[in-house]
Amino acid sequence: MHPEFSRRNCWKKRRGGSTQCLTATNPARLPASNGEEAVERVLELKPDLVILDVTMPVLNGLQAARKIRSIAPRVKILILSMHDSPQLASEALRLGADAYLIKSGPQVQLLETIANLLRS
């Protein structure tokens, strides 16, 4: 496990399709099956980091990012997407995401981005 991951974190599993949360004191998987549940988890858990997929039911990742940014301005938000679209990336950042990555990108890029977001 990367040392920066010892903080409380929520992240989107790359292939599993659910949002996962982990705390240093109580490791647990707390799935959020849609964007609205992800927002609720942020209110409940107050994580340092949330990783959202663009394509989520109820609220998509961009809508969830906007809501999360408004209710928890210090939470770092990473959007993971299968869409390699500069326009979508720009929109995600405009709506409050701190970073936007392509799911097919190198895993090391994901880990480095997470570590950098947690340090900032």
C-alpha atoms as a PDB file:
ATOM      1  CA  MET A   1       0.000   0.000   0.000  1.00  0.00           C
ATOM      2  CA  HIS A   2       1.295   3.449  -0.911  1.00  0.00           C
ATOM      3  CA  PRO A   3       2.219   5.414   2.255  1.00  0.00           C
ATOM      4  CA  GLU A   4      -0.061   8.326   1.331  1.00  0.00           C
ATOM      5  CA  PHE A   5      -3.027   5.951   1.456  1.00  0.00           C
ATOM      6  CA  SER A   6      -2.869   5.723   5.227  1.00  0.00           C
ATOM      7  CA  ARG A   7      -5.234   8.698   5.438  1.00  0.00           C
ATOM      8  CA  ARG A   8      -8.971   8.263   5.108  1.00  0.00           C
ATOM      9  CA  ASN A   9      -9.809   7.922   1.417  1.00  0.00           C
ATOM     10  CA  CYS A  10     -12.644   7.085  -0.925  1.00  0.00           C
ATOM     11  CA  TRP A  11     -11.897   5.974  -4.436  1.00  0.00           C
ATOM     12  CA  LYS A  12     -13.582   4.533  -7.489  1.00  0.00           C
ATOM     13  CA  LYS A  13     -12.501   0.991  -8.296  1.00  0.00           C
ATOM     14  CA  ARG A  14     -11.099   0.945 -11.817  1.00  0.00           C
ATOM     15  CA  ARG A  15     -12.903  -2.157 -12.971  1.00  0.00           C
ATOM     16  CA  GLY A  16     -15.392  -3.032 -10.223  1.00  0.00           C
ATOM     17  CA  GLY A  17     -17.710  -0.099 -10.707  1.00  0.00           C
ATOM     18  CA  SER A  18     -18.287   0.887  -7.084  1.00  0.00           C
ATOM     19  CA  THR A  19     -16.871   3.634  -4.919  1.00  0.00           C
ATOM     20  CA  GLN A  20     -14.661   2.324  -2.119  1.00  0.00           C
ATOM     21  CA  CYS A  21     -13.691   3.953   1.162  1.00  0.00           C
ATOM     22  CA  LEU A  22     -10.832   3.086   3.467  1.00  0.00           C
ATOM     23  CA  THR A  23      -9.851   4.594   6.781  1.00  0.00           C
ATOM     24  CA  ALA A  24      -6.540   4.029   8.508  1.00  0.00           C
ATOM     25  CA  THR A  25      -8.238   3.099  11.765  1.00  0.00           C
ATOM     26  CA  ASN A  26     -11.083   1.084  10.310  1.00  0.00           C
ATOM     27  CA  PRO A  27     -10.416  -0.362   6.860  1.00  0.00           C
ATOM     28  CA  ALA A  28     -13.783  -0.929   5.235  1.00  0.00           C
ATOM     29  CA  ARG A  29     -15.370  -1.085   1.834  1.00  0.00           C
ATOM     30  CA  LEU A  30     -18.356   1.185   1.683  1.00  0.00           C
ATOM     31  CA  PRO A  31     -19.699   1.089  -1.851  1.00  0.00           C
ATOM     32  CA  ALA A  32     -21.666   3.901  -3.396  1.00  0.00           C
ATOM     33  CA  SER A  33     -23.599   2.607  -6.367  1.00  0.00           C
ATOM     34  CA  ASN A  34     -24.367   6.064  -7.776  1.00  0.00           C
ATOM     35  CA  GLY A  35     -23.316   9.698  -7.608  1.00  0.00           C
ATOM     36  CA  GLU A  36     -25.911  10.661  -5.010  1.00  0.00           C
ATOM     37  CA  GLU A  37     -24.665   7.936  -2.669  1.00  0.00           C
ATOM     38  CA  ALA A  38     -21.092   9.151  -3.217  1.00  0.00           C
ATOM     39  CA  VAL A  39     -22.163  12.634  -2.073  1.00  0.00           C
ATOM     40  CA  GLU A  40     -23.835  11.106   0.990  1.00  0.00           C
ATOM     41  CA  ARG A  41     -20.660   9.133   1.803  1.00  0.00           C
ATOM     42  CA  VAL A  42     -18.622  12.332   1.683  1.00  0.00           C
ATOM     43  CA  LEU A  43     -20.974  13.944   4.208  1.00  0.00           C
ATOM     44  CA  GLU A  44     -20.828  10.855   6.418  1.00  0.00           C
ATOM     45  CA  LEU A  45     -17.106   9.998   6.231  1.00  0.00           C
ATOM     46  CA  LYS A  46     -15.426  13.333   5.497  1.00  0.00           C
ATOM     47  CA  PRO A  47     -12.673  11.765   3.362  1.00  0.00           C
ATOM     48  CA  ASP A  48      -9.530  13.500   2.161  1.00  0.00           C
ATOM     49  CA  LEU A  49     -10.029  12.185  -1.387  1.00  0.00           C
ATOM     50  CA  VAL A  50     -12.912  11.026  -3.572  1.00  0.00           C
ATOM     51  CA  ILE A  51     -12.454   9.305  -6.913  1.00  0.00           C
ATOM     52  CA  LEU A  52     -15.488   9.424  -9.176  1.00  0.00           C
ATOM     53  CA  ASP A  53     -16.320   7.892 -12.524  1.00  0.00           C
ATOM     54  CA  VAL A  54     -17.874  10.236 -15.065  1.00  0.00           C
ATOM     55  CA  THR A  55     -20.508   7.632 -15.927  1.00  0.00           C
ATOM     56  CA  MET A  56     -22.546   7.018 -12.770  1.00  0.00           C
ATOM     57  CA  PRO A  57     -26.317   6.659 -12.370  1.00  0.00           C
ATOM     58  CA  VAL A  58     -28.583   9.186 -10.594  1.00  0.00           C
ATOM     59  CA  LEU A  59     -25.856  11.882 -10.534  1.00  0.00           C
ATOM     60  CA  ASN A  60     -23.002  11.522 -12.980  1.00  0.00           C
ATOM     61  CA  GLY A  61     -19.453  12.101 -11.776  1.00  0.00           C
ATOM     62  CA  LEU A  62     -19.410  15.740 -12.873  1.00  0.00           C
ATOM     63  CA  GLN A  63     -22.665  16.509 -11.065  1.00  0.00           C
ATOM     64  CA  ALA A  64     -21.433  14.674  -7.971  1.00  0.00           C
ATOM     65  CA  ALA A  65     -18.125  16.593  -8.103  1.00  0.00           C
ATOM     66  CA  ARG A  66     -19.987  19.907  -8.198  1.00  0.00           C
ATOM     67  CA  LYS A  67     -22.130  18.910  -5.184  1.00  0.00           C
ATOM     68  CA  ILE A  68     -19.151  17.565  -3.255  1.00  0.00           C
ATOM     69  CA  ARG A  69     -17.163  20.738  -3.925  1.00  0.00           C
ATOM     70  CA  SER A  70     -20.031  22.848  -2.572  1.00  0.00           C
ATOM     71  CA  ILE A  71     -20.522  20.820   0.634  1.00  0.00           C
ATOM     72  CA  ALA A  72     -16.895  19.811   1.311  1.00  0.00           C
ATOM     73  CA  PRO A  73     -14.551  22.345  -0.304  1.00  0.00           C
ATOM     74  CA  ARG A  74     -11.385  20.770   1.137  1.00  0.00           C
ATOM     75  CA  VAL A  75     -12.026  17.264  -0.227  1.00  0.00           C
ATOM     76  CA  LYS A  76      -9.777  16.419  -3.168  1.00  0.00           C
ATOM     77  CA  ILE A  77     -11.746  15.162  -6.170  1.00  0.00           C
ATOM     78  CA  LEU A  78     -10.268  12.941  -8.866  1.00  0.00           C
ATOM     79  CA  ILE A  79     -12.359  12.069 -11.915  1.00  0.00           C
ATOM     80  CA  LEU A  80     -11.548   8.808 -13.695  1.00  0.00           C
ATOM     81  CA  SER A  81     -13.038   8.380 -17.124  1.00  0.00           C
ATOM     82  CA  MET A  82     -12.865   6.137 -20.151  1.00  0.00           C
ATOM     83  CA  HIS A  83     -13.379   9.283 -22.246  1.00  0.00           C
ATOM     84  CA  ASP A  84     -10.159  10.831 -23.576  1.00  0.00           C
ATOM     85  CA  SER A  85     -11.805  14.189 -24.110  1.00  0.00           C
ATOM     86  CA  PRO A  86     -10.107  17.534 -23.431  1.00  0.00           C
ATOM     87  CA  GLN A  87     -13.546  19.165 -23.335  1.00  0.00           C
ATOM     88  CA  LEU A  88     -14.803  16.738 -20.694  1.00  0.00           C
ATOM     89  CA  ALA A  89     -11.597  17.150 -18.661  1.00  0.00           C
ATOM     90  CA  SER A  90     -11.951  20.931 -18.831  1.00  0.00           C
ATOM     91  CA  GLU A  91     -15.583  20.731 -17.735  1.00  0.00           C
ATOM     92  CA  ALA A  92     -14.674  18.426 -14.820  1.00  0.00           C
ATOM     93  CA  LEU A  93     -12.035  20.878 -13.598  1.00  0.00           C
ATOM     94  CA  ARG A  94     -14.423  23.810 -14.028  1.00  0.00           C
ATOM     95  CA  LEU A  95     -17.035  22.019 -11.897  1.00  0.00           C
ATOM     96  CA  GLY A  96     -14.602  21.434  -9.043  1.00  0.00           C
ATOM     97  CA  ALA A  97     -12.511  18.349  -9.762  1.00  0.00           C
ATOM     98  CA  ASP A  98      -8.853  18.635  -8.827  1.00  0.00           C
ATOM     99  CA  ALA A  99      -7.679  16.151 -11.453  1.00  0.00           C
ATOM    100  CA  TYR A 100      -8.985  14.175 -14.425  1.00  0.00           C
ATOM    101  CA  LEU A 101      -7.399  10.913 -15.578  1.00  0.00           C
ATOM    102  CA  ILE A 102      -8.161   8.365 -18.264  1.00  0.00           C
ATOM    103  CA  LYS A 103      -8.874   4.863 -16.911  1.00  0.00           C
ATOM    104  CA  SER A 104      -6.655   3.274 -19.532  1.00  0.00           C
ATOM    105  CA  GLY A 105      -3.679   5.394 -18.434  1.00  0.00           C
ATOM    106  CA  PRO A 106      -0.722   3.913 -16.572  1.00  0.00           C
ATOM    107  CA  GLN A 107      -1.452   2.783 -13.020  1.00  0.00           C
ATOM    108  CA  VAL A 108       1.599   4.664 -11.776  1.00  0.00           C
ATOM    109  CA  GLN A 109       0.006   7.892 -13.037  1.00  0.00           C
ATOM    110  CA  LEU A 110      -3.067   7.165 -10.931  1.00  0.00           C
ATOM    111  CA  LEU A 111      -0.975   6.457  -7.834  1.00  0.00           C
ATOM    112  CA  GLU A 112       1.180   9.549  -8.335  1.00  0.00           C
ATOM    113  CA  THR A 113      -1.873  11.751  -8.871  1.00  0.00           C
ATOM    114  CA  ILE A 114      -3.507  10.438  -5.707  1.00  0.00           C
ATOM    115  CA  ALA A 115      -0.321  10.984  -3.700  1.00  0.00           C
ATOM    116  CA  ASN A 116       0.077  14.525  -5.081  1.00  0.00           C
ATOM    117  CA  LEU A 117      -3.531  15.409  -4.309  1.00  0.00           C
ATOM    118  CA  LEU A 118      -3.185  14.146  -0.754  1.00  0.00           C
ATOM    119  CA  ARG A 119      -0.003  16.154  -0.247  1.00  0.00           C
ATOM    120  CA  SER A 120      -1.522  19.396  -1.528  1.00  0.00           C
END
